[in-house]
Amino acid sequence: MGKRNRKKIILPPKEFKTKEASRYVAAIELLAEYKSCKKTQLDFAVRWLKKNMEREKEWDMGKEVKDGMYFPLSDSWRKDEDRIKDCTHRINKLLEKL
């Protein structure tokens, strides 16, 4: 990977409803598993996630994040509410660790 492709983890994606944002969440999920990673070191991620919260404490990362690895969790995303439920579940699980 060239220098231009490297991004600092403390600089979250500008757009939340993207595959890039989903990959960013995956990176934060990995970091959150390390016991040596103090929770205060990931405050920037908590702020970013909360900034992107939608109504009723829900998150929607959009249809684009459906990758077969992290999403979908539900059997189908034909209904928007299933996608929103999946996104909200994933982010709430991460926030519990942070």
PDB file of N, CA and C in Angstrom:
ATOM      1  N   MET A   1       0.846  -1.159   0.000  1.00  0.00           N
ATOM      2  CA  MET A   1       0.000   0.000   0.000  1.00  0.00           C
ATOM      3  C   MET A   1       0.901   1.235   0.000  1.00  0.00           C
ATOM      4  N   GLY A   2       0.639   2.146  -0.895  1.00  0.00           N
ATOM      5  CA  GLY A   2       1.426   3.357  -0.992  1.00  0.00           C
ATOM      6  C   GLY A   2       1.084   4.355   0.095  1.00  0.00           C
ATOM      7  N   LYS A   3       1.958   5.336   0.236  1.00  0.00           N
ATOM      8  CA  LYS A   3       1.755   6.341   1.277  1.00  0.00           C
ATOM      9  C   LYS A   3       0.432   7.082   1.120  1.00  0.00           C
ATOM     10  N   ARG A   4       0.028   7.333  -0.093  1.00  0.00           N
ATOM     11  CA  ARG A   4      -1.191   8.099  -0.312  1.00  0.00           C
ATOM     12  C   ARG A   4      -2.439   7.359   0.145  1.00  0.00           C
ATOM     13  N   ASN A   5      -2.378   6.040   0.211  1.00  0.00           N
ATOM     14  CA  ASN A   5      -3.546   5.254   0.613  1.00  0.00           C
ATOM     15  C   ASN A   5      -3.673   5.105   2.124  1.00  0.00           C
ATOM     16  N   ARG A   6      -2.648   5.464   2.857  1.00  0.00           N
ATOM     17  CA  ARG A   6      -2.684   5.322   4.307  1.00  0.00           C
ATOM     18  C   ARG A   6      -3.488   6.459   4.911  1.00  0.00           C
ATOM     19  N   LYS A   7      -4.329   6.089   5.833  1.00  0.00           N
ATOM     20  CA  LYS A   7      -5.144   7.083   6.513  1.00  0.00           C
ATOM     21  C   LYS A   7      -4.977   6.909   8.003  1.00  0.00           C
ATOM     22  N   LYS A   8      -5.003   8.010   8.709  1.00  0.00           N
ATOM     23  CA  LYS A   8      -4.890   7.953  10.159  1.00  0.00           C
ATOM     24  C   LYS A   8      -6.219   7.509  10.741  1.00  0.00           C
ATOM     25  N   ILE A   9      -6.140   6.625  11.710  1.00  0.00           N
ATOM     26  CA  ILE A   9      -7.349   6.065  12.312  1.00  0.00           C
ATOM     27  C   ILE A   9      -8.148   7.146  13.035  1.00  0.00           C
ATOM     28  N   ILE A  10      -7.500   8.194  13.477  1.00  0.00           N
ATOM     29  CA  ILE A  10      -8.228   9.249  14.193  1.00  0.00           C
ATOM     30  C   ILE A  10      -8.995  10.167  13.248  1.00  0.00           C
ATOM     31  N   LEU A  11      -8.851   9.943  11.944  1.00  0.00           N
ATOM     32  CA  LEU A  11      -9.589  10.732  10.951  1.00  0.00           C
ATOM     33  C   LEU A  11     -10.678   9.864  10.331  1.00  0.00           C
ATOM     34  N   PRO A  12     -11.865   9.900  10.901  1.00  0.00           N
ATOM     35  CA  PRO A  12     -12.943   9.051  10.381  1.00  0.00           C
ATOM     36  C   PRO A  12     -13.421   9.522   9.017  1.00  0.00           C
ATOM     37  N   PRO A  13     -14.068   8.644   8.271  1.00  0.00           N
ATOM     38  CA  PRO A  13     -14.611   9.029   6.968  1.00  0.00           C
ATOM     39  C   PRO A  13     -15.634  10.159   7.115  1.00  0.00           C
ATOM     40  N   LYS A  14     -15.680  11.007   6.111  1.00  0.00           N
ATOM     41  CA  LYS A  14     -16.635  12.123   6.132  1.00  0.00           C
ATOM     42  C   LYS A  14     -18.057  11.638   5.901  1.00  0.00           C
ATOM     43  N   GLU A  15     -18.207  10.639   5.045  1.00  0.00           N
ATOM     44  CA  GLU A  15     -19.525  10.079   4.736  1.00  0.00           C
ATOM     45  C   GLU A  15     -19.739   8.807   5.554  1.00  0.00           C
ATOM     46  N   PHE A  16     -20.894   8.709   6.205  1.00  0.00           N
ATOM     47  CA  PHE A  16     -21.191   7.552   7.057  1.00  0.00           C
ATOM     48  C   PHE A  16     -21.797   6.389   6.279  1.00  0.00           C
ATOM     49  N   LYS A  17     -22.547   6.678   5.249  1.00  0.00           N
ATOM     50  CA  LYS A  17     -23.231   5.626   4.493  1.00  0.00           C
ATOM     51  C   LYS A  17     -22.377   5.153   3.325  1.00  0.00           C
ATOM     52  N   THR A  18     -21.196   4.593   3.672  1.00  0.00           N
ATOM     53  CA  THR A  18     -20.258   4.128   2.656  1.00  0.00           C
ATOM     54  C   THR A  18     -19.573   2.849   3.121  1.00  0.00           C
ATOM     55  N   LYS A  19     -19.004   2.131   2.155  1.00  0.00           N
ATOM     56  CA  LYS A  19     -18.204   0.955   2.501  1.00  0.00           C
ATOM     57  C   LYS A  19     -16.966   1.366   3.292  1.00  0.00           C
ATOM     58  N   GLU A  20     -16.424   2.531   2.959  1.00  0.00           N
ATOM     59  CA  GLU A  20     -15.257   3.025   3.697  1.00  0.00           C
ATOM     60  C   GLU A  20     -15.594   3.171   5.181  1.00  0.00           C
ATOM     61  N   ALA A  21     -16.763   3.692   5.489  1.00  0.00           N
ATOM     62  CA  ALA A  21     -17.179   3.845   6.885  1.00  0.00           C
ATOM     63  C   ALA A  21     -17.353   2.481   7.553  1.00  0.00           C
ATOM     64  N   SER A  22     -17.890   1.518   6.833  1.00  0.00           N
ATOM     65  CA  SER A  22     -18.048   0.174   7.384  1.00  0.00           C
ATOM     66  C   SER A  22     -16.686  -0.454   7.680  1.00  0.00           C
ATOM     67  N   ARG A  23     -15.737  -0.257   6.786  1.00  0.00           N
ATOM     68  CA  ARG A  23     -14.376  -0.765   7.032  1.00  0.00           C
ATOM     69  C   ARG A  23     -13.740  -0.040   8.222  1.00  0.00           C
ATOM     70  N   TYR A  24     -14.027   1.228   8.362  1.00  0.00           N
ATOM     71  CA  TYR A  24     -13.518   2.009   9.486  1.00  0.00           C
ATOM     72  C   TYR A  24     -14.089   1.451  10.800  1.00  0.00           C
ATOM     73  N   VAL A  25     -15.391   1.162  10.814  1.00  0.00           N
ATOM     74  CA  VAL A  25     -16.007   0.567  11.997  1.00  0.00           C
ATOM     75  C   VAL A  25     -15.337  -0.771  12.308  1.00  0.00           C
ATOM     76  N   ALA A  26     -15.030  -1.551  11.293  1.00  0.00           N
ATOM     77  CA  ALA A  26     -14.346  -2.841  11.498  1.00  0.00           C
ATOM     78  C   ALA A  26     -12.977  -2.643  12.145  1.00  0.00           C
ATOM     79  N   ALA A  27     -12.257  -1.624  11.732  1.00  0.00           N
ATOM     80  CA  ALA A  27     -10.946  -1.341  12.327  1.00  0.00           C
ATOM     81  C   ALA A  27     -11.090  -0.958  13.795  1.00  0.00           C
ATOM     82  N   ILE A  28     -12.096  -0.145  14.103  1.00  0.00           N
ATOM     83  CA  ILE A  28     -12.335   0.247  15.493  1.00  0.00           C
ATOM     84  C   ILE A  28     -12.749  -0.970  16.319  1.00  0.00           C
ATOM     85  N   GLU A  29     -13.543  -1.860  15.720  1.00  0.00           N
ATOM     86  CA  GLU A  29     -13.940  -3.093  16.416  1.00  0.00           C
ATOM     87  C   GLU A  29     -12.704  -3.913  16.784  1.00  0.00           C
ATOM     88  N   LEU A  30     -11.747  -3.996  15.890  1.00  0.00           N
ATOM     89  CA  LEU A  30     -10.512  -4.734  16.184  1.00  0.00           C
ATOM     90  C   LEU A  30      -9.724  -4.057  17.298  1.00  0.00           C
ATOM     91  N   LEU A  31      -9.569  -2.752  17.223  1.00  0.00           N
ATOM     92  CA  LEU A  31      -8.835  -2.023  18.257  1.00  0.00           C
ATOM     93  C   LEU A  31      -9.498  -2.159  19.624  1.00  0.00           C
ATOM     94  N   ALA A  32     -10.810  -2.168  19.646  1.00  0.00           N
ATOM     95  CA  ALA A  32     -11.553  -2.253  20.904  1.00  0.00           C
ATOM     96  C   ALA A  32     -11.320  -3.581  21.625  1.00  0.00           C
ATOM     97  N   GLU A  33     -10.871  -4.590  20.903  1.00  0.00           N
ATOM     98  CA  GLU A  33     -10.609  -5.902  21.497  1.00  0.00           C
ATOM     99  C   GLU A  33      -9.299  -5.941  22.286  1.00  0.00           C
ATOM    100  N   TYR A  34      -8.378  -5.034  22.000  1.00  0.00           N
ATOM    101  CA  TYR A  34      -7.085  -5.029  22.678  1.00  0.00           C
ATOM    102  C   TYR A  34      -7.216  -4.475  24.083  1.00  0.00           C
ATOM    103  N   LYS A  35      -6.764  -5.252  25.053  1.00  0.00           N
ATOM    104  CA  LYS A  35      -6.816  -4.805  26.439  1.00  0.00           C
ATOM    105  C   LYS A  35      -5.873  -3.621  26.666  1.00  0.00           C
ATOM    106  N   SER A  36      -4.802  -3.560  25.909  1.00  0.00           N
ATOM    107  CA  SER A  36      -3.838  -2.470  26.070  1.00  0.00           C
ATOM    108  C   SER A  36      -4.346  -1.148  25.484  1.00  0.00           C
ATOM    109  N   CYS A  37      -5.414  -1.215  24.709  1.00  0.00           N
ATOM    110  CA  CYS A  37      -5.992  -0.013  24.113  1.00  0.00           C
ATOM    111  C   CYS A  37      -6.980   0.578  25.102  1.00  0.00           C
ATOM    112  N   LYS A  38      -6.583   1.671  25.725  1.00  0.00           N
ATOM    113  CA  LYS A  38      -7.454   2.310  26.709  1.00  0.00           C
ATOM    114  C   LYS A  38      -8.682   2.878  26.023  1.00  0.00           C
ATOM    115  N   LYS A  39      -9.787   2.770  26.697  1.00  0.00           N
ATOM    116  CA  LYS A  39     -11.050   3.230  26.118  1.00  0.00           C
ATOM    117  C   LYS A  39     -10.985   4.715  25.763  1.00  0.00           C
ATOM    118  N   THR A  40     -10.265   5.506  26.542  1.00  0.00           N
ATOM    119  CA  THR A  40     -10.171   6.937  26.243  1.00  0.00           C
ATOM    120  C   THR A  40      -9.418   7.190  24.942  1.00  0.00           C
ATOM    121  N   GLN A  41      -8.606   6.230  24.519  1.00  0.00           N
ATOM    122  CA  GLN A  41      -7.877   6.381  23.264  1.00  0.00           C
ATOM    123  C   GLN A  41      -8.801   6.273  22.051  1.00  0.00           C
ATOM    124  N   LEU A  42      -9.983   5.748  22.254  1.00  0.00           N
ATOM    125  CA  LEU A  42     -10.931   5.581  21.158  1.00  0.00           C
ATOM    126  C   LEU A  42     -12.123   6.531  21.280  1.00  0.00           C
ATOM    127  N   ASP A  43     -11.979   7.567  22.093  1.00  0.00           N
ATOM    128  CA  ASP A  43     -13.062   8.553  22.249  1.00  0.00           C
ATOM    129  C   ASP A  43     -13.443   9.210  20.927  1.00  0.00           C
ATOM    130  N   PHE A  44     -12.467   9.399  20.057  1.00  0.00           N
ATOM    131  CA  PHE A  44     -12.750  10.017  18.759  1.00  0.00           C
ATOM    132  C   PHE A  44     -13.761   9.182  17.966  1.00  0.00           C
ATOM    133  N   ALA A  45     -13.679   7.856  18.109  1.00  0.00           N
ATOM    134  CA  ALA A  45     -14.607   6.970  17.402  1.00  0.00           C
ATOM    135  C   ALA A  45     -16.004   7.062  18.004  1.00  0.00           C
ATOM    136  N   VAL A  46     -16.077   7.144  19.317  1.00  0.00           N
ATOM    137  CA  VAL A  46     -17.374   7.287  19.987  1.00  0.00           C
ATOM    138  C   VAL A  46     -18.045   8.573  19.533  1.00  0.00           C
ATOM    139  N   ARG A  47     -17.290   9.655  19.496  1.00  0.00           N
ATOM    140  CA  ARG A  47     -17.855  10.940  19.052  1.00  0.00           C
ATOM    141  C   ARG A  47     -18.356  10.850  17.610  1.00  0.00           C
ATOM    142  N   TRP A  48     -17.577  10.219  16.740  1.00  0.00           N
ATOM    143  CA  TRP A  48     -17.956  10.072  15.331  1.00  0.00           C
ATOM    144  C   TRP A  48     -19.233   9.243  15.195  1.00  0.00           C
ATOM    145  N   LEU A  49     -19.311   8.147  15.943  1.00  0.00           N
ATOM    146  CA  LEU A  49     -20.503   7.301  15.880  1.00  0.00           C
ATOM    147  C   LEU A  49     -21.728   8.059  16.384  1.00  0.00           C
ATOM    148  N   LYS A  50     -21.585   8.753  17.490  1.00  0.00           N
ATOM    149  CA  LYS A  50     -22.720   9.499  18.045  1.00  0.00           C
ATOM    150  C   LYS A  50     -23.145  10.641  17.121  1.00  0.00           C
ATOM    151  N   LYS A  51     -22.188  11.242  16.449  1.00  0.00           N
ATOM    152  CA  LYS A  51     -22.500  12.315  15.504  1.00  0.00           C
ATOM    153  C   LYS A  51     -23.338  11.787  14.342  1.00  0.00           C
ATOM    154  N   ASN A  52     -23.147  10.526  14.007  1.00  0.00           N
ATOM    155  CA  ASN A  52     -23.855   9.918  12.879  1.00  0.00           C
ATOM    156  C   ASN A  52     -25.106   9.142  13.289  1.00  0.00           C
ATOM    157  N   MET A  53     -25.477   9.261  14.542  1.00  0.00           N
ATOM    158  CA  MET A  53     -26.703   8.622  15.021  1.00  0.00           C
ATOM    159  C   MET A  53     -27.905   9.331  14.404  1.00  0.00           C
ATOM    160  N   GLU A  54     -28.863   8.551  14.023  1.00  0.00           N
ATOM    161  CA  GLU A  54     -30.094   9.107  13.462  1.00  0.00           C
ATOM    162  C   GLU A  54     -31.170   9.113  14.534  1.00  0.00           C
ATOM    163  N   ARG A  55     -32.363   9.342  14.137  1.00  0.00           N
ATOM    164  CA  ARG A  55     -33.484   9.417  15.075  1.00  0.00           C
ATOM    165  C   ARG A  55     -33.567   8.192  15.979  1.00  0.00           C
ATOM    166  N   GLU A  56     -34.131   8.388  17.119  1.00  0.00           N
ATOM    167  CA  GLU A  56     -34.412   7.269  18.025  1.00  0.00           C
ATOM    168  C   GLU A  56     -33.182   6.417  18.351  1.00  0.00           C
ATOM    169  N   LYS A  57     -32.019   7.022  18.381  1.00  0.00           N
ATOM    170  CA  LYS A  57     -30.771   6.298  18.703  1.00  0.00           C
ATOM    171  C   LYS A  57     -30.535   5.120  17.771  1.00  0.00           C
ATOM    172  N   GLU A  58     -30.699   5.375  16.490  1.00  0.00           N
ATOM    173  CA  GLU A  58     -30.479   4.346  15.471  1.00  0.00           C
ATOM    174  C   GLU A  58     -29.396   4.814  14.501  1.00  0.00           C
ATOM    175  N   TRP A  59     -28.774   3.839  13.851  1.00  0.00           N
ATOM    176  CA  TRP A  59     -27.788   4.128  12.816  1.00  0.00           C
ATOM    177  C   TRP A  59     -28.196   3.438  11.528  1.00  0.00           C
ATOM    178  N   ASP A  60     -27.886   4.082  10.439  1.00  0.00           N
ATOM    179  CA  ASP A  60     -28.118   3.506   9.117  1.00  0.00           C
ATOM    180  C   ASP A  60     -26.881   3.796   8.278  1.00  0.00           C
ATOM    181  N   MET A  61     -26.165   2.754   7.914  1.00  0.00           N
ATOM    182  CA  MET A  61     -24.957   2.924   7.112  1.00  0.00           C
ATOM    183  C   MET A  61     -25.247   2.835   5.616  1.00  0.00           C
ATOM    184  N   GLY A  62     -26.512   2.648   5.265  1.00  0.00           N
ATOM    185  CA  GLY A  62     -26.898   2.617   3.870  1.00  0.00           C
ATOM    186  C   GLY A  62     -26.778   1.242   3.235  1.00  0.00           C
ATOM    187  N   LYS A  63     -27.364   1.118   2.063  1.00  0.00           N
ATOM    188  CA  LYS A  63     -27.383  -0.160   1.346  1.00  0.00           C
ATOM    189  C   LYS A  63     -26.009  -0.563   0.824  1.00  0.00           C
ATOM    190  N   GLU A  64     -25.162   0.422   0.590  1.00  0.00           N
ATOM    191  CA  GLU A  64     -23.842   0.174  -0.001  1.00  0.00           C
ATOM    192  C   GLU A  64     -22.944  -0.702   0.874  1.00  0.00           C
ATOM    193  N   VAL A  65     -23.193  -0.727   2.181  1.00  0.00           N
ATOM    194  CA  VAL A  65     -22.303  -1.474   3.076  1.00  0.00           C
ATOM    195  C   VAL A  65     -22.552  -2.984   3.066  1.00  0.00           C
ATOM    196  N   LYS A  66     -23.549  -3.409   2.363  1.00  0.00           N
ATOM    197  CA  LYS A  66     -23.850  -4.851   2.269  1.00  0.00           C
ATOM    198  C   LYS A  66     -22.692  -5.527   1.540  1.00  0.00           C
ATOM    199  N   ASP A  67     -21.895  -6.277   2.307  1.00  0.00           N
ATOM    200  CA  ASP A  67     -20.688  -6.880   1.744  1.00  0.00           C
ATOM    201  C   ASP A  67     -20.612  -8.394   1.930  1.00  0.00           C
ATOM    202  N   GLY A  68     -21.578  -8.955   2.641  1.00  0.00           N
ATOM    203  CA  GLY A  68     -21.556 -10.396   2.865  1.00  0.00           C
ATOM    204  C   GLY A  68     -20.630 -10.817   3.993  1.00  0.00           C
ATOM    205  N   MET A  69     -19.847  -9.887   4.523  1.00  0.00           N
ATOM    206  CA  MET A  69     -18.945 -10.203   5.624  1.00  0.00           C
ATOM    207  C   MET A  69     -19.488  -9.617   6.936  1.00  0.00           C
ATOM    208  N   TYR A  70     -19.647  -8.317   6.964  1.00  0.00           N
ATOM    209  CA  TYR A  70     -20.171  -7.656   8.154  1.00  0.00           C
ATOM    210  C   TYR A  70     -21.675  -7.452   8.068  1.00  0.00           C
ATOM    211  N   PHE A  71     -22.152  -7.280   6.881  1.00  0.00           N
ATOM    212  CA  PHE A  71     -23.582  -7.054   6.635  1.00  0.00           C
ATOM    213  C   PHE A  71     -24.030  -7.892   5.463  1.00  0.00           C
ATOM    214  N   PRO A  72     -25.236  -8.311   5.393  1.00  0.00           N
ATOM    215  CA  PRO A  72     -26.310  -8.097   6.359  1.00  0.00           C
ATOM    216  C   PRO A  72     -26.271  -9.116   7.484  1.00  0.00           C
ATOM    217  N   LEU A  73     -26.811  -8.753   8.617  1.00  0.00           N
ATOM    218  CA  LEU A  73     -27.004  -9.688   9.722  1.00  0.00           C
ATOM    219  C   LEU A  73     -28.358 -10.386   9.572  1.00  0.00           C
ATOM    220  N   SER A  74     -29.323  -9.637   9.070  1.00  0.00           N
ATOM    221  CA  SER A  74     -30.674 -10.181   8.827  1.00  0.00           C
ATOM    222  C   SER A  74     -30.675 -11.010   7.550  1.00  0.00           C
ATOM    223  N   ASP A  75     -31.712 -11.794   7.386  1.00  0.00           N
ATOM    224  CA  ASP A  75     -31.849 -12.606   6.177  1.00  0.00           C
ATOM    225  C   ASP A  75     -32.043 -11.750   4.935  1.00  0.00           C
ATOM    226  N   SER A  76     -32.631 -10.581   5.100  1.00  0.00           N
ATOM    227  CA  SER A  76     -32.937  -9.745   3.946  1.00  0.00           C
ATOM    228  C   SER A  76     -32.903  -8.277   4.340  1.00  0.00           C
ATOM    229  N   TRP A  77     -32.536  -7.433   3.374  1.00  0.00           N
ATOM    230  CA  TRP A  77     -32.579  -5.990   3.568  1.00  0.00           C
ATOM    231  C   TRP A  77     -33.626  -5.373   2.648  1.00  0.00           C
ATOM    232  N   ARG A  78     -34.618  -6.133   2.279  1.00  0.00           N
ATOM    233  CA  ARG A  78     -35.680  -5.587   1.422  1.00  0.00           C
ATOM    234  C   ARG A  78     -36.400  -4.442   2.121  1.00  0.00           C
ATOM    235  N   LYS A  79     -36.471  -4.533   3.443  1.00  0.00           N
ATOM    236  CA  LYS A  79     -37.089  -3.465   4.230  1.00  0.00           C
ATOM    237  C   LYS A  79     -35.983  -2.621   4.865  1.00  0.00           C
ATOM    238  N   ASP A  80     -36.126  -1.320   4.737  1.00  0.00           N
ATOM    239  CA  ASP A  80     -35.132  -0.417   5.326  1.00  0.00           C
ATOM    240  C   ASP A  80     -34.960  -0.659   6.822  1.00  0.00           C
ATOM    241  N   GLU A  81     -36.058  -0.966   7.505  1.00  0.00           N
ATOM    242  CA  GLU A  81     -35.965  -1.146   8.954  1.00  0.00           C
ATOM    243  C   GLU A  81     -35.077  -2.330   9.334  1.00  0.00           C
ATOM    244  N   ASP A  82     -34.970  -3.355   8.482  1.00  0.00           N
ATOM    245  CA  ASP A  82     -34.064  -4.476   8.757  1.00  0.00           C
ATOM    246  C   ASP A  82     -32.606  -4.030   8.667  1.00  0.00           C
ATOM    247  N   ARG A  83     -32.306  -3.221   7.663  1.00  0.00           N
ATOM    248  CA  ARG A  83     -30.942  -2.686   7.512  1.00  0.00           C
ATOM    249  C   ARG A  83     -30.593  -1.793   8.700  1.00  0.00           C
ATOM    250  N   ILE A  84     -31.514  -0.933   9.067  1.00  0.00           N
ATOM    251  CA  ILE A  84     -31.284  -0.022  10.190  1.00  0.00           C
ATOM    252  C   ILE A  84     -31.088  -0.807  11.480  1.00  0.00           C
ATOM    253  N   LYS A  85     -31.879  -1.855  11.657  1.00  0.00           N
ATOM    254  CA  LYS A  85     -31.752  -2.712  12.844  1.00  0.00           C
ATOM    255  C   LYS A  85     -30.366  -3.366  12.875  1.00  0.00           C
ATOM    256  N   ASP A  86     -29.893  -3.864  11.741  1.00  0.00           N
ATOM    257  CA  ASP A  86     -28.570  -4.488  11.659  1.00  0.00           C
ATOM    258  C   ASP A  86     -27.460  -3.479  11.982  1.00  0.00           C
ATOM    259  N   CYS A  87     -27.532  -2.315  11.367  1.00  0.00           N
ATOM    260  CA  CYS A  87     -26.516  -1.281  11.584  1.00  0.00           C
ATOM    261  C   CYS A  87     -26.499  -0.849  13.049  1.00  0.00           C
ATOM    262  N   THR A  88     -27.684  -0.647  13.603  1.00  0.00           N
ATOM    263  CA  THR A  88     -27.801  -0.219  14.998  1.00  0.00           C
ATOM    264  C   THR A  88     -27.240  -1.286  15.930  1.00  0.00           C
ATOM    265  N   HIS A  89     -27.534  -2.543  15.653  1.00  0.00           N
ATOM    266  CA  HIS A  89     -27.015  -3.642  16.483  1.00  0.00           C
ATOM    267  C   HIS A  89     -25.478  -3.652  16.464  1.00  0.00           C
ATOM    268  N   ARG A  90     -24.909  -3.566  15.281  1.00  0.00           N
ATOM    269  CA  ARG A  90     -23.443  -3.608  15.157  1.00  0.00           C
ATOM    270  C   ARG A  90     -22.804  -2.450  15.920  1.00  0.00           C
ATOM    271  N   ILE A  91     -23.336  -1.271  15.770  1.00  0.00           N
ATOM    272  CA  ILE A  91     -22.724  -0.104  16.405  1.00  0.00           C
ATOM    273  C   ILE A  91     -22.955  -0.120  17.913  1.00  0.00           C
ATOM    274  N   ASN A  92     -24.116  -0.547  18.354  1.00  0.00           N
ATOM    275  CA  ASN A  92     -24.345  -0.655  19.806  1.00  0.00           C
ATOM    276  C   ASN A  92     -23.395  -1.655  20.443  1.00  0.00           C
ATOM    277  N   LYS A  93     -23.149  -2.779  19.767  1.00  0.00           N
ATOM    278  CA  LYS A  93     -22.188  -3.771  20.284  1.00  0.00           C
ATOM    279  C   LYS A  93     -20.793  -3.156  20.397  1.00  0.00           C
ATOM    280  N   LEU A  94     -20.422  -2.355  19.415  1.00  0.00           N
ATOM    281  CA  LEU A  94     -19.119  -1.697  19.463  1.00  0.00           C
ATOM    282  C   LEU A  94     -19.081  -0.680  20.599  1.00  0.00           C
ATOM    283  N   LEU A  95     -20.110   0.121  20.736  1.00  0.00           N
ATOM    284  CA  LEU A  95     -20.140   1.132  21.797  1.00  0.00           C
ATOM    285  C   LEU A  95     -20.080   0.495  23.187  1.00  0.00           C
ATOM    286  N   GLU A  96     -20.622  -0.688  23.348  1.00  0.00           N
ATOM    287  CA  GLU A  96     -20.522  -1.391  24.634  1.00  0.00           C
ATOM    288  C   GLU A  96     -19.067  -1.668  24.995  1.00  0.00           C
ATOM    289  N   LYS A  97     -18.242  -1.904  23.985  1.00  0.00           N
ATOM    290  CA  LYS A  97     -16.824  -2.189  24.202  1.00  0.00           C
ATOM    291  C   LYS A  97     -16.021  -0.915  24.430  1.00  0.00           C
ATOM    292  N   LEU A  98     -16.541   0.191  23.946  1.00  0.00           N
ATOM    293  CA  LEU A  98     -15.821   1.453  24.059  1.00  0.00           C
ATOM    294  C   LEU A  98     -16.213   2.187  25.321  1.00  0.00           C
TER     295      LEU A  98
END
